[in-house]
Protein backbone atom coordinates (compact mmCIF):
# COMPACT_ATOMS: atom_id res chain seq x y z
CA MET A 1 -31.82 -45.91 27.29
CA PHE A 2 -30.57 -42.63 25.78
CA SER A 3 -33.98 -40.93 25.86
CA GLU A 4 -34.79 -42.34 29.29
CA HIS A 5 -31.54 -41.00 30.75
CA LEU A 6 -32.16 -37.58 29.23
CA ALA A 7 -35.71 -37.53 30.58
CA ARG A 8 -34.61 -38.48 34.11
CA SER A 9 -31.79 -35.96 33.99
CA ALA A 10 -34.10 -33.19 32.83
CA ALA A 11 -36.65 -34.05 35.52
CA THR A 12 -33.97 -33.94 38.23
CA ILE A 13 -32.69 -30.58 37.03
CA ALA A 14 -36.25 -29.21 36.77
CA ALA A 15 -36.79 -30.17 40.41
CA LEU A 16 -34.07 -27.67 41.38
CA HIS A 17 -36.67 -24.88 41.12
CA SER A 18 -37.67 -25.78 44.68
CA LEU A 19 -34.17 -24.82 45.87
CA GLU A 20 -34.18 -21.25 44.53
CA ALA A 21 -34.48 -19.52 47.91
CA ASP A 22 -31.84 -21.74 49.51
CA VAL A 23 -29.45 -21.27 46.58
CA ASP A 24 -29.85 -17.50 46.91
CA ARG A 25 -29.17 -17.77 50.64
CA ALA A 26 -26.05 -19.86 50.01
CA ALA A 27 -24.77 -17.40 47.41
CA SER A 28 -25.37 -14.51 49.82
CA ILE A 29 -23.39 -16.26 52.57
CA ILE A 30 -20.48 -16.95 50.21
CA ALA A 31 -20.51 -13.42 48.78
CA ALA A 32 -20.56 -11.89 52.28
CA SER A 33 -17.61 -14.03 53.34
CA LEU A 34 -15.57 -13.06 50.28
CA GLN A 35 -16.42 -9.38 50.65
CA SER A 36 -15.25 -9.40 54.28
CA GLY A 37 -11.91 -11.03 53.45
CA GLY A 38 -12.90 -14.64 53.97
CA LYS A 39 -12.27 -17.58 51.68
CA ILE A 40 -14.22 -20.51 50.35
CA LEU A 41 -13.05 -24.07 50.99
CA SER A 42 -14.63 -26.94 49.06
CA CYS A 43 -14.37 -30.72 49.26
CA GLY A 44 -15.83 -33.98 48.01
CA ASN A 45 -14.91 -37.53 46.98
CA GLY A 46 -14.66 -39.00 43.48
CA GLY A 47 -17.04 -37.23 41.12
CA SER A 48 -17.84 -34.81 43.93
CA ALA A 49 -14.10 -34.05 44.23
CA ALA A 50 -14.17 -33.09 40.56
CA GLU A 51 -17.17 -30.85 41.22
CA SER A 52 -15.39 -29.36 44.22
CA ALA A 53 -12.49 -28.51 41.91
CA HIS A 54 -14.88 -27.10 39.33
CA PHE A 55 -16.53 -24.84 41.92
CA ALA A 56 -13.22 -23.53 43.29
CA THR A 57 -11.93 -22.94 39.76
CA GLU A 58 -15.00 -20.95 38.71
CA LEU A 59 -14.51 -18.68 41.73
CA LEU A 60 -10.73 -18.36 41.62
CA CYS A 61 -10.57 -17.90 37.85
CA ARG A 62 -13.99 -16.87 36.51
CA LEU A 63 -17.32 -18.23 35.35
CA ASP A 64 -18.23 -16.32 32.22
CA GLY A 65 -16.66 -12.89 32.24
CA ASP A 66 -13.68 -10.82 33.28
CA ARG A 67 -13.57 -9.93 36.97
CA PRO A 68 -11.15 -10.10 39.91
CA SER A 69 -10.23 -13.49 41.32
CA LEU A 70 -12.19 -14.75 44.33
CA ALA A 71 -10.51 -16.63 47.19
CA ALA A 72 -11.40 -20.31 46.85
CA LEU A 73 -9.50 -23.50 47.60
CA ASN A 74 -10.33 -27.10 46.65
CA LEU A 75 -9.40 -29.37 49.59
CA SER A 76 -9.61 -32.44 47.34
CA ALA A 77 -6.66 -31.36 45.17
CA ASP A 78 -3.35 -32.03 46.94
CA GLY A 79 -2.42 -35.68 46.43
CA SER A 80 0.67 -35.46 48.65
CA PHE A 81 -1.29 -34.06 51.57
CA LEU A 82 -4.25 -36.40 51.09
CA THR A 83 -2.12 -39.55 51.01
CA ALA A 84 0.07 -38.41 53.92
CA THR A 85 -2.94 -37.70 56.09
CA ALA A 86 -4.70 -40.93 55.09
CA ASN A 87 -1.51 -42.85 55.89
CA ASP A 88 -0.48 -41.08 59.12
CA TYR A 89 -3.93 -40.46 60.59
CA GLN A 90 -6.99 -41.80 58.80
CA PHE A 91 -8.86 -41.14 55.57
CA ASN A 92 -11.73 -39.54 57.48
CA GLU A 93 -9.36 -36.69 58.46
CA ILE A 94 -8.19 -35.65 54.97
CA PHE A 95 -10.47 -32.60 54.79
CA ALA A 96 -10.90 -31.83 58.50
CA ARG A 97 -7.16 -31.53 59.02
CA GLN A 98 -6.91 -28.97 56.22
CA ILE A 99 -9.73 -27.01 57.85
CA ASP A 100 -7.68 -27.03 61.07
CA GLY A 101 -4.77 -25.38 59.27
CA LEU A 102 -6.54 -23.20 56.73
CA GLY A 103 -10.02 -22.44 58.04
CA ARG A 104 -10.78 -19.23 59.89
CA PRO A 105 -14.00 -17.86 61.39
CA GLY A 106 -15.92 -16.18 58.61
CA ASP A 107 -14.73 -18.61 55.94
CA VAL A 108 -17.25 -20.92 54.25
CA LEU A 109 -16.98 -24.65 53.63
CA VAL A 110 -18.85 -25.97 50.59
CA ALA A 111 -19.06 -29.75 50.98
CA ILE A 112 -20.34 -32.04 48.24
CA THR A 113 -21.61 -35.57 48.79
CA THR A 114 -24.35 -37.29 46.81
CA SER A 115 -25.21 -39.67 49.66
CA GLY A 116 -24.85 -37.23 52.54
CA HIS A 117 -22.99 -39.95 54.44
CA SER A 118 -19.32 -39.69 53.37
CA PRO A 119 -17.37 -39.93 56.67
CA ASN A 120 -14.61 -37.53 55.63
CA VAL A 121 -17.13 -34.93 54.45
CA LEU A 122 -19.11 -35.30 57.68
CA ALA A 123 -15.87 -34.79 59.63
CA ALA A 124 -15.12 -31.69 57.55
CA LEU A 125 -18.57 -30.21 58.19
CA SER A 126 -18.31 -30.89 61.91
CA ARG A 127 -14.78 -29.45 62.15
CA ALA A 128 -15.74 -26.40 60.14
CA ARG A 129 -18.62 -25.62 62.47
CA SER A 130 -16.42 -26.05 65.55
CA ARG A 131 -13.92 -23.56 64.08
CA GLY A 132 -16.52 -20.89 63.26
CA LEU A 133 -16.94 -21.49 59.53
CA LEU A 134 -20.34 -21.43 57.88
CA THR A 135 -21.26 -24.59 56.01
CA ILE A 136 -23.08 -25.21 52.75
CA ALA A 137 -23.61 -28.73 51.43
CA LEU A 138 -24.62 -29.98 47.99
CA LEU A 139 -26.39 -33.25 48.72
CA GLY A 140 -28.72 -35.85 47.23
CA ARG A 141 -31.34 -38.36 48.32
CA ASP A 142 -32.66 -37.19 51.73
CA GLY A 143 -29.53 -35.21 52.62
CA GLY A 144 -28.23 -37.90 54.95
CA LEU A 145 -26.22 -37.07 58.05
CA ALA A 146 -24.68 -34.06 56.30
CA ALA A 147 -27.92 -32.06 56.13
CA PRO A 148 -28.12 -31.14 59.84
CA LEU A 149 -24.40 -30.22 59.82
CA SER A 150 -25.03 -27.67 57.06
CA ASP A 151 -26.17 -24.09 57.51
CA VAL A 152 -27.64 -24.35 54.02
CA PRO A 153 -28.23 -27.90 52.73
CA LEU A 154 -28.98 -27.99 49.00
CA ILE A 155 -30.60 -31.39 48.53
CA VAL A 156 -31.19 -32.72 45.03
CA PRO A 157 -34.32 -34.91 45.24
CA SER A 158 -33.01 -37.98 43.44
CA HIS A 159 -31.60 -41.40 44.31
CA SER A 160 -29.42 -41.63 41.19
CA THR A 161 -25.81 -40.65 41.83
CA ALA A 162 -25.35 -39.70 38.18
CA HIS A 163 -28.37 -37.40 38.12
CA ILE A 164 -27.48 -35.87 41.48
CA GLN A 165 -24.00 -35.05 40.15
CA GLU A 166 -25.47 -33.54 36.98
CA ALA A 167 -27.75 -31.37 39.09
CA HIS A 168 -24.89 -30.39 41.39
CA LEU A 169 -22.99 -29.02 38.40
CA VAL A 170 -26.01 -26.91 37.45
CA LEU A 171 -26.22 -25.65 41.05
CA ILE A 172 -22.51 -24.79 40.99
CA HIS A 173 -22.94 -22.65 37.89
CA ILE A 174 -26.01 -20.92 39.30
CA LEU A 175 -24.23 -20.26 42.60
CA CYS A 176 -21.18 -18.82 40.86
CA ALA A 177 -23.29 -16.57 38.63
CA ARG A 178 -25.24 -15.28 41.64
CA ILE A 179 -22.06 -14.75 43.70
CA GLU A 180 -20.54 -12.71 40.86
CA GLN A 181 -23.72 -10.66 40.60
CA LEU A 182 -23.81 -9.99 44.34
CA ILE A 183 -20.15 -8.96 44.51
CA PHE A 184 -19.66 -7.15 41.22
CA GLY A 185 -23.17 -5.90 40.48
CA SER A 186 -24.19 -6.48 36.89
CA SER A 187 -22.74 -9.52 35.16
CA PRO A 188 -19.01 -9.29 34.42
CA GLN A 189 -17.99 -8.33 30.90
CA LYS A 190 -18.39 -11.36 28.65
CA SER A 191 -15.21 -12.86 27.30
CA THR A 192 -14.77 -14.45 23.90
CA GLN A 193 -12.18 -16.87 25.27
CA SER A 194 -13.22 -20.44 26.00
CA THR A 195 -11.76 -23.15 28.21
């Protein structure tokens, strides 16, 4: 089981080579938004919520070197807001309602869903588009209903949720490294600190 899991994981990550041009396009969109005063909003459910937090943290804090903070916000983070909205409206609105209040034309939504069918993520993508945000989605399987709602769908070609999530984390790190390169030029100065 151990070796089989590693082999499947490695094969899924190796398949990401086919996404290189789309990843570069996504990074360029995000970098352009940040450079023009926009911000990055991210969202997801469960493990994808954790990856949404990871992505926003890498931008707002740093990936691997010292550089200025980048404007990023994880929409999956605020338990008070999420439970109030789920209670007073419906769970499908927990991200879309935040986009109503926080999203501005020129911002970018990065939505993460392994299935491509999460109703609240689909609502977020739809709302973002209607409010003039660009949309990038980290997806799995065939991209689901989220793919056509995304300006740049990054689809991991796997049916295993675990392997899709592993590949999404790799994509997040590649995106952040490319965004830093686009905004700050050469790689930021390496830090000896670890998290």
